[in-house]
Structures are given as structure tokens and as C-alpha cells.
Amino acid sequence: MLTYKKTELMSSTEIVRNFSSILDSITKHEKDKIAVLRKKQSGSDYYICRRI
């Protein structure tokens, strides 16, 4: 089971606004993975992005 730090959970809006810096932190190995959270009327979705 994967666990995430608070800094690895991000909203889709936060990803779009800070795309360059987030991508940079992944390529510099500051973050191994992120989970993109998206709220919908029927609940929440999340998408996992991991460095391979």
C-alpha cells in the first residue's frame, strides 16, 4: 500500500498553477510521487503519478 506525505497530495488547480516547479521537484528527486486530487459533485477522485 502506498502512503503519501502531505506535500505529495495536490489539487489539480495547484498542479496547473505550479506545473513547472512541481515537475522540477520530481526530476530533482525531491518528490518520488504525487497524488492529484480532484473534487466532483458525486465525491472525490485521485490520480497517482510516480517517477519510474
N, C-alpha and C. Protein backbone atom coordinates (compact mmCIF):
# COMPACT_ATOMS: atom_id res chain seq x y z
N MET A 1 0.84 -1.18 0.00
CA MET A 1 0.00 0.00 0.00
C MET A 1 0.88 1.25 0.00
N LEU A 2 0.55 2.19 -0.84
CA LEU A 2 1.28 3.45 -0.92
C LEU A 2 0.81 4.41 0.17
N THR A 3 1.75 5.13 0.72
CA THR A 3 1.41 6.21 1.65
C THR A 3 1.97 7.50 1.08
N TYR A 4 1.34 8.59 1.41
CA TYR A 4 1.73 9.89 0.88
C TYR A 4 1.97 10.88 2.00
N LYS A 5 2.97 11.72 1.79
CA LYS A 5 3.19 12.85 2.70
C LYS A 5 2.20 13.95 2.32
N LYS A 6 1.98 14.86 3.22
CA LYS A 6 1.05 15.95 2.94
C LYS A 6 1.50 16.78 1.74
N THR A 7 2.80 16.89 1.54
CA THR A 7 3.32 17.67 0.41
C THR A 7 3.16 16.95 -0.92
N GLU A 8 2.84 15.66 -0.90
CA GLU A 8 2.67 14.88 -2.13
C GLU A 8 1.22 14.82 -2.59
N LEU A 9 0.29 15.35 -1.81
CA LEU A 9 -1.12 15.40 -2.17
C LEU A 9 -1.42 16.81 -2.68
N MET A 10 -1.85 16.92 -3.93
CA MET A 10 -2.06 18.23 -4.53
C MET A 10 -3.38 18.27 -5.29
N SER A 11 -4.00 19.42 -5.29
CA SER A 11 -5.21 19.60 -6.07
C SER A 11 -4.83 19.80 -7.54
N SER A 12 -5.75 19.51 -8.42
CA SER A 12 -5.48 19.70 -9.85
C SER A 12 -5.21 21.17 -10.18
N THR A 13 -5.86 22.08 -9.49
CA THR A 13 -5.63 23.51 -9.69
C THR A 13 -4.21 23.89 -9.28
N GLU A 14 -3.75 23.36 -8.16
CA GLU A 14 -2.40 23.64 -7.69
C GLU A 14 -1.36 23.10 -8.69
N ILE A 15 -1.63 21.94 -9.27
CA ILE A 15 -0.71 21.36 -10.26
C ILE A 15 -0.61 22.28 -11.48
N VAL A 16 -1.74 22.75 -11.98
CA VAL A 16 -1.74 23.61 -13.17
C VAL A 16 -1.02 24.92 -12.90
N ARG A 17 -1.27 25.52 -11.75
CA ARG A 17 -0.65 26.81 -11.44
C ARG A 17 0.85 26.72 -11.20
N ASN A 18 1.31 25.57 -10.70
CA ASN A 18 2.72 25.41 -10.35
C ASN A 18 3.38 24.27 -11.10
N PHE A 19 2.96 24.03 -12.33
CA PHE A 19 3.40 22.86 -13.09
C PHE A 19 4.92 22.79 -13.22
N SER A 20 5.55 23.87 -13.57
CA SER A 20 7.00 23.89 -13.78
C SER A 20 7.76 23.53 -12.52
N SER A 21 7.41 24.14 -11.40
CA SER A 21 8.13 23.86 -10.15
C SER A 21 7.86 22.45 -9.64
N ILE A 22 6.67 21.93 -9.83
CA ILE A 22 6.35 20.57 -9.41
C ILE A 22 7.10 19.56 -10.26
N LEU A 23 7.12 19.78 -11.56
CA LEU A 23 7.87 18.90 -12.45
C LEU A 23 9.37 18.95 -12.13
N ASP A 24 9.86 20.11 -11.82
CA ASP A 24 11.26 20.28 -11.45
C ASP A 24 11.58 19.51 -10.16
N SER A 25 10.71 19.57 -9.18
CA SER A 25 10.96 18.86 -7.92
C SER A 25 10.94 17.34 -8.10
N ILE A 26 10.16 16.85 -9.06
CA ILE A 26 10.15 15.42 -9.34
C ILE A 26 11.42 15.01 -10.06
N THR A 27 11.86 15.80 -11.03
CA THR A 27 13.08 15.46 -11.77
C THR A 27 14.34 15.57 -10.92
N LYS A 28 14.31 16.43 -9.89
CA LYS A 28 15.44 16.56 -8.97
C LYS A 28 15.36 15.56 -7.81
N HIS A 29 14.40 14.66 -7.87
CA HIS A 29 14.20 13.61 -6.86
C HIS A 29 13.85 14.16 -5.48
N GLU A 30 13.28 15.36 -5.43
CA GLU A 30 12.80 15.90 -4.16
C GLU A 30 11.48 15.23 -3.78
N LYS A 31 10.74 14.79 -4.79
CA LYS A 31 9.49 14.05 -4.57
C LYS A 31 9.53 12.79 -5.42
N ASP A 32 9.12 11.68 -4.83
CA ASP A 32 9.08 10.43 -5.58
C ASP A 32 7.75 10.23 -6.30
N LYS A 33 6.71 10.79 -5.72
CA LYS A 33 5.37 10.58 -6.28
C LYS A 33 4.47 11.72 -5.85
N ILE A 34 3.39 11.90 -6.59
CA ILE A 34 2.35 12.85 -6.19
C ILE A 34 1.00 12.21 -6.47
N ALA A 35 0.02 12.64 -5.75
CA ALA A 35 -1.36 12.23 -6.00
C ALA A 35 -2.14 13.49 -6.31
N VAL A 36 -2.82 13.48 -7.43
CA VAL A 36 -3.61 14.63 -7.86
C VAL A 36 -5.04 14.42 -7.41
N LEU A 37 -5.54 15.33 -6.60
CA LEU A 37 -6.89 15.25 -6.07
C LEU A 37 -7.83 16.11 -6.89
N ARG A 38 -9.00 15.57 -7.17
CA ARG A 38 -10.00 16.32 -7.94
C ARG A 38 -11.36 16.12 -7.29
N LYS A 39 -11.99 17.20 -6.90
CA LYS A 39 -13.31 17.11 -6.29
C LYS A 39 -14.39 17.14 -7.36
N LYS A 40 -15.38 16.30 -7.18
CA LYS A 40 -16.55 16.28 -8.06
C LYS A 40 -17.79 16.38 -7.19
N GLN A 41 -18.91 16.61 -7.80
CA GLN A 41 -20.15 16.69 -7.04
C GLN A 41 -20.50 15.35 -6.40
N SER A 42 -20.16 14.26 -7.06
CA SER A 42 -20.50 12.94 -6.55
C SER A 42 -19.44 12.37 -5.61
N GLY A 43 -18.37 13.10 -5.36
CA GLY A 43 -17.30 12.62 -4.48
C GLY A 43 -15.95 13.15 -4.94
N SER A 44 -14.90 12.45 -4.59
CA SER A 44 -13.55 12.87 -4.96
C SER A 44 -12.87 11.78 -5.78
N ASP A 45 -12.03 12.20 -6.68
CA ASP A 45 -11.18 11.28 -7.46
C ASP A 45 -9.74 11.60 -7.12
N TYR A 46 -8.88 10.64 -7.27
CA TYR A 46 -7.46 10.93 -7.16
C TYR A 46 -6.71 10.12 -8.21
N TYR A 47 -5.63 10.68 -8.68
CA TYR A 47 -4.80 10.08 -9.71
C TYR A 47 -3.38 10.04 -9.20
N ILE A 48 -2.74 8.91 -9.33
CA ILE A 48 -1.40 8.73 -8.79
C ILE A 48 -0.38 8.92 -9.91
N CYS A 49 0.63 9.72 -9.66
CA CYS A 49 1.74 9.93 -10.60
C CYS A 49 3.01 9.57 -9.86
N ARG A 50 3.76 8.61 -10.41
CA ARG A 50 5.00 8.20 -9.77
C ARG A 50 6.16 8.29 -10.74
N ARG A 51 7.31 8.59 -10.21
CA ARG A 51 8.53 8.60 -11.00
C ARG A 51 8.96 7.16 -11.20
N ILE A 52 9.35 6.81 -12.41
CA ILE A 52 9.77 5.43 -12.71
C ILE A 52 11.26 5.39 -12.90
